[in-house]
């Protein structure tokens, strides 16, 4: 089935969390992708003026585990972990011992978890469209309807227009062409 993709505004975050909980109650699993491993220079206390609102996997993992879904089994995966530890977490997720896997882009390719039905991407504006398409491809690998929820920290018109491309097509070639047109080929 085609993965249903949505861009979620900040006002609908709680509804998205309720949707995730409902999917998990059905026996499904969830990926939560963050653009950073951790935010540098941040101590464990809440910042009074938080100008750096980028989502980091380590902080998001703690928030989801302690505040949003304290009753669920949540794992953390990122590129600074030892290969042995990454493999252990992925095996736990694959064997359905974890409900939610909070990760960085290390799950972009080569991951096959047929039971995962939700891909939640935090800071979606920080990823290229082709990369978002790769994330979306991590779900929808079974008979269950799957969903890709894109959260953005920016609501500038350019950001909204970029993310709307993900709503219009599931064709990787069209997405890559649009990404190239918007961001250019880069420089060597």
Protein backbone atom coordinates (compact mmCIF):
# COMPACT_ATOMS: atom_id res chain seq x y z
CA UNK A 1 0.00 0.00 0.00
CA UNK A 2 1.05 3.57 -0.60
CA UNK A 3 2.50 5.19 2.54
CA UNK A 4 0.25 8.07 3.62
CA UNK A 5 2.38 11.16 4.19
CA UNK A 6 1.37 14.18 6.28
CA UNK A 7 3.07 17.41 7.29
CA UNK A 8 2.12 17.93 10.92
CA UNK A 9 1.83 21.50 12.29
CA UNK A 10 2.95 22.14 15.89
CA UNK A 11 -0.69 22.51 16.99
CA UNK A 12 -1.37 18.87 16.00
CA UNK A 13 1.59 17.26 17.82
CA UNK A 14 -0.56 15.80 20.61
CA UNK A 15 -2.93 14.30 18.02
CA UNK A 16 0.08 12.73 16.30
CA UNK A 17 1.24 11.22 19.61
CA UNK A 18 -2.27 9.80 20.13
CA UNK A 19 -2.19 8.35 16.62
CA UNK A 20 1.19 6.73 17.34
CA UNK A 21 -0.17 5.23 20.55
CA UNK A 22 -3.16 3.81 18.62
CA UNK A 23 -0.84 2.22 16.02
CA UNK A 24 1.23 0.63 18.78
CA UNK A 25 -1.95 -0.71 20.41
CA UNK A 26 -2.67 -2.41 17.06
CA UNK A 27 0.70 -4.14 17.41
CA UNK A 28 2.64 -1.86 15.06
CA UNK A 29 6.01 -0.19 15.68
CA UNK A 30 7.28 3.35 15.11
CA UNK A 31 10.48 5.05 13.94
CA UNK A 32 11.24 8.56 15.22
CA UNK A 33 14.04 10.23 13.25
CA UNK A 34 15.96 13.28 14.50
CA UNK A 35 18.54 15.34 12.59
CA UNK A 36 21.10 15.42 15.44
CA UNK A 37 22.54 12.93 17.92
CA UNK A 38 22.68 15.53 20.67
CA UNK A 39 22.69 19.27 20.93
CA UNK A 40 26.16 20.54 21.76
CA UNK A 41 26.70 22.75 24.77
CA UNK A 42 23.36 21.91 26.34
CA UNK A 43 23.25 20.79 29.91
CA UNK A 44 20.59 18.48 31.28
CA UNK A 45 18.52 21.36 32.70
CA UNK A 46 15.86 23.02 30.61
CA UNK A 47 17.13 26.13 28.89
CA UNK A 48 15.25 29.33 29.73
CA UNK A 49 15.79 30.79 26.26
CA UNK A 50 16.04 27.92 23.82
CA UNK A 51 17.04 29.48 20.50
CA UNK A 52 18.44 26.19 19.20
CA UNK A 53 15.24 24.21 18.65
CA UNK A 54 16.76 21.43 16.54
CA UNK A 55 15.62 18.00 17.63
CA UNK A 56 18.32 15.66 18.88
CA UNK A 57 17.87 11.91 19.22
CA UNK A 58 19.25 11.65 22.76
CA UNK A 59 16.99 14.39 24.14
CA UNK A 60 13.95 13.21 22.16
CA UNK A 61 14.50 9.66 23.44
CA UNK A 62 14.50 10.92 27.05
CA UNK A 63 11.39 13.07 26.49
CA UNK A 64 9.42 10.28 24.81
CA UNK A 65 10.52 7.70 27.38
CA UNK A 66 9.84 9.79 30.49
CA UNK A 67 7.07 12.23 29.51
CA UNK A 68 5.12 11.23 26.38
CA UNK A 69 5.17 7.41 26.37
CA UNK A 70 6.46 6.26 29.80
CA UNK A 71 4.47 3.03 29.48
CA UNK A 72 6.03 1.99 26.14
CA UNK A 73 9.34 0.32 25.28
CA UNK A 74 11.61 2.81 23.53
CA UNK A 75 15.11 2.32 22.08
CA UNK A 76 17.80 4.74 20.91
CA UNK A 77 20.06 4.31 17.88
CA UNK A 78 22.70 6.68 16.49
CA UNK A 79 26.00 6.68 14.65
CA UNK A 80 28.25 7.20 17.69
CA UNK A 81 27.18 3.89 19.20
CA UNK A 82 29.44 0.87 18.88
CA UNK A 83 28.47 -1.49 16.06
CA UNK A 84 27.67 -4.23 18.59
CA UNK A 85 25.28 -1.95 20.48
CA UNK A 86 23.59 -0.76 17.28
CA UNK A 87 23.05 -4.35 16.19
CA UNK A 88 21.59 -5.25 19.60
CA UNK A 89 19.07 -2.38 19.43
CA UNK A 90 18.07 -3.25 15.85
CA UNK A 91 17.54 -6.90 16.81
CA UNK A 92 15.35 -5.83 19.75
CA UNK A 93 13.29 -3.66 17.39
CA UNK A 94 13.06 -6.40 14.77
CA UNK A 95 11.93 -8.94 17.41
CA UNK A 96 9.21 -6.49 18.57
CA UNK A 97 10.81 -5.97 21.98
CA UNK A 98 10.68 -2.20 21.33
CA UNK A 99 7.61 -0.17 20.37
CA UNK A 100 9.47 2.94 19.25
CA UNK A 101 12.97 3.41 17.89
CA UNK A 102 14.37 6.93 18.18
CA UNK A 103 17.22 7.31 15.72
CA UNK A 104 19.30 9.56 13.53
CA UNK A 105 19.63 9.01 9.80
CA UNK A 106 21.51 5.71 10.34
CA UNK A 107 18.24 3.93 9.47
CA UNK A 108 18.04 5.59 6.05
CA UNK A 109 18.86 2.43 4.08
CA UNK A 110 19.24 -1.29 4.67
CA UNK A 111 16.71 -1.58 7.48
CA UNK A 112 13.76 -3.95 7.06
CA UNK A 113 11.17 -3.95 9.86
CA UNK A 114 7.90 -5.08 8.23
CA UNK A 115 5.94 -4.43 11.44
CA UNK A 116 6.86 -0.71 11.53
CA UNK A 117 3.93 1.34 10.26
CA UNK A 118 4.86 4.90 11.29
CA UNK A 119 7.87 6.96 10.29
CA UNK A 120 7.95 10.19 12.29
CA UNK A 121 10.59 12.67 11.12
CA UNK A 122 11.47 15.55 13.43
CA UNK A 123 13.05 18.61 11.82
CA UNK A 124 12.03 17.39 8.37
CA UNK A 125 13.22 20.65 6.81
CA UNK A 126 16.80 19.70 7.73
CA UNK A 127 16.78 16.68 5.41
CA UNK A 128 16.84 16.59 1.63
CA UNK A 129 13.71 15.36 -0.12
CA UNK A 130 15.48 12.24 -1.38
CA UNK A 131 16.54 11.45 2.18
CA UNK A 132 12.97 11.94 3.41
CA UNK A 133 11.84 9.57 0.65
CA UNK A 134 14.39 6.99 1.91
CA UNK A 135 13.03 7.34 5.47
CA UNK A 136 9.49 6.89 4.19
CA UNK A 137 10.66 3.70 2.47
CA UNK A 138 11.49 2.14 5.87
CA UNK A 139 7.74 1.69 6.50
CA UNK A 140 5.02 0.22 4.30
CA UNK A 141 6.81 -3.12 3.96
CA UNK A 142 3.86 -5.31 4.91
CA UNK A 143 0.11 -5.56 4.43
CA UNK A 144 -0.53 -2.87 7.08
CA UNK A 145 -1.30 0.71 6.07
CA UNK A 146 1.74 2.85 6.90
CA UNK A 147 2.25 6.54 7.58
CA UNK A 148 5.03 9.11 7.33
CA UNK A 149 4.60 12.09 9.67
CA UNK A 150 6.81 15.07 8.84
CA UNK A 151 7.36 17.62 11.61
CA UNK A 152 9.07 20.91 10.82
CA UNK A 153 10.65 23.54 13.04
CA UNK A 154 10.24 26.10 10.25
CA UNK A 155 7.04 27.29 8.65
CA UNK A 156 8.60 29.54 6.05
CA UNK A 157 6.90 29.36 2.65
CA UNK A 158 9.95 27.72 1.05
CA UNK A 159 9.94 24.96 3.69
CA UNK A 160 6.22 24.33 3.28
CA UNK A 161 6.58 24.12 -0.51
CA UNK A 162 9.49 21.64 -0.22
CA UNK A 163 7.61 19.36 2.14
CA UNK A 164 4.45 19.50 0.01
CA UNK A 165 6.41 17.69 -2.71
CA UNK A 166 6.50 14.67 -0.37
CA UNK A 167 2.69 14.82 -0.20
CA UNK A 168 2.26 14.91 -3.97
CA UNK A 169 4.34 11.93 -5.03
CA UNK A 170 5.95 8.67 -3.94
CA UNK A 171 8.05 8.54 -7.12
CA UNK A 172 11.71 8.72 -6.07
CA UNK A 173 12.84 10.09 -9.46
CA UNK A 174 10.34 12.98 -9.33
CA UNK A 175 11.37 13.72 -5.74
CA UNK A 176 15.08 13.70 -6.67
CA UNK A 177 14.41 16.04 -9.62
CA UNK A 178 12.47 18.44 -7.39
CA UNK A 179 15.23 18.30 -4.76
CA UNK A 180 17.87 19.06 -7.40
CA UNK A 181 15.80 21.95 -8.77
CA UNK A 182 15.26 23.46 -5.30
CA UNK A 183 18.68 22.91 -3.71
CA UNK A 184 20.95 22.78 -6.76
CA UNK A 185 23.69 20.25 -7.53
CA UNK A 186 26.09 21.48 -4.84
CA UNK A 187 29.74 22.36 -5.32
CA UNK A 188 32.90 20.26 -5.43
